[in-house]
Amino acid sequence: MKTTIDIADNILTRSRELARREHRTLRELVEEGLRLVTTDREKDRRSPVRPVTFKGKGLSPRFAHASWDRIREAAYEGRGA
């Protein structure tokens, strides 16, 4: 797709020099820049993962002072492992 944009002279000059040094086209640099900006902004829009919490009074008395190994064993009890 073709479009026309106004670019500040100093940015255009620096971009052309960079494109020449890297043996790329100005179009490739513009597309790369837009891709980076849009990807970065899309990341910002994603909703953060919220931790899952449960109301209660902590561990049951059975596990109040148990090790993580004991808690894990209880979680897998009766599952054939």
Protein backbone atom coordinates (compact mmCIF):
# COMPACT_ATOMS: atom_id res chain seq x y z
CA MET A 1 0.00 0.00 0.00
CA LYS A 2 1.27 3.46 -0.76
CA THR A 3 0.90 6.46 1.50
CA THR A 4 2.52 9.84 2.02
CA ILE A 5 3.92 10.98 5.35
CA ASP A 6 5.83 14.05 6.54
CA ILE A 7 9.07 13.21 8.32
CA ALA A 8 11.36 15.67 10.07
CA ASP A 9 14.42 16.42 7.91
CA ASN A 10 16.96 15.25 10.48
CA ILE A 11 15.17 11.92 11.00
CA LEU A 12 14.89 11.35 7.27
CA THR A 13 18.59 12.14 6.73
CA ARG A 14 19.71 9.84 9.53
CA SER A 15 17.35 7.09 8.34
CA ARG A 16 18.66 7.25 4.77
CA GLU A 17 22.24 7.05 6.03
CA LEU A 18 21.39 4.05 8.21
CA ALA A 19 19.61 2.33 5.34
CA ARG A 20 22.63 2.88 3.10
CA ARG A 21 25.06 1.51 5.72
CA GLU A 22 22.92 -1.56 6.30
CA HIS A 23 22.19 -2.10 2.59
CA ARG A 24 18.46 -1.79 3.23
CA THR A 25 15.72 0.38 1.87
CA LEU A 26 14.12 3.28 3.69
CA ARG A 27 10.84 1.39 3.37
CA GLU A 28 12.31 -1.56 5.29
CA LEU A 29 13.44 0.73 8.11
CA VAL A 30 10.04 2.46 8.30
CA GLU A 31 8.22 -0.88 8.38
CA GLU A 32 10.57 -2.22 11.06
CA GLY A 33 10.06 0.89 13.18
CA LEU A 34 6.29 0.75 12.88
CA ARG A 35 6.34 -2.98 13.66
CA LEU A 36 8.39 -2.37 16.82
CA VAL A 37 6.12 0.44 18.01
CA THR A 38 2.88 -1.40 17.35
CA THR A 39 4.13 -4.62 18.97
CA ASP A 40 5.34 -2.71 22.02
CA ARG A 41 2.05 -0.84 22.39
CA GLU A 42 0.02 -4.01 21.95
CA LYS A 43 1.95 -5.56 24.85
CA ASP A 44 0.97 -2.60 27.02
CA ARG A 45 -2.72 -3.14 26.21
CA ARG A 46 -2.79 -6.76 27.32
CA SER A 47 -4.47 -7.19 30.65
CA PRO A 48 -2.17 -8.33 33.45
CA VAL A 49 -2.60 -11.77 34.96
CA ARG A 50 -4.33 -11.48 38.27
CA PRO A 51 -3.32 -13.85 41.05
CA VAL A 52 -5.91 -16.36 42.15
CA THR A 53 -6.68 -16.09 45.83
CA PHE A 54 -9.14 -17.78 48.10
CA LYS A 55 -10.74 -16.47 51.24
CA GLY A 56 -10.06 -18.58 54.25
CA LYS A 57 -7.95 -19.01 57.32
CA GLY A 58 -4.84 -20.47 55.76
CA LEU A 59 -3.83 -24.10 55.80
CA SER A 60 -5.92 -26.66 57.59
CA PRO A 61 -4.50 -27.79 60.94
CA ARG A 62 -3.37 -31.03 59.25
CA PHE A 63 -0.92 -29.04 57.08
CA ALA A 64 -0.21 -26.01 59.27
CA HIS A 65 3.37 -27.11 59.96
CA ALA A 66 3.84 -29.60 57.12
CA SER A 67 6.70 -29.41 54.63
CA TRP A 68 6.03 -28.67 50.98
CA ASP A 69 6.92 -32.30 50.22
CA ARG A 70 4.13 -33.50 52.56
CA ILE A 71 1.63 -31.06 51.07
CA ARG A 72 2.57 -32.19 47.54
CA GLU A 73 2.23 -35.87 48.53
CA ALA A 74 -1.25 -35.19 49.89
CA ALA A 75 -2.23 -33.40 46.68
CA TYR A 76 -1.37 -36.50 44.65
CA GLU A 77 -2.73 -39.14 47.09
CA GLY A 78 -4.98 -41.63 45.34
CA ARG A 79 -3.92 -40.57 41.86
CA GLY A 80 -1.83 -43.65 41.14
CA ALA A 81 1.50 -41.89 41.03
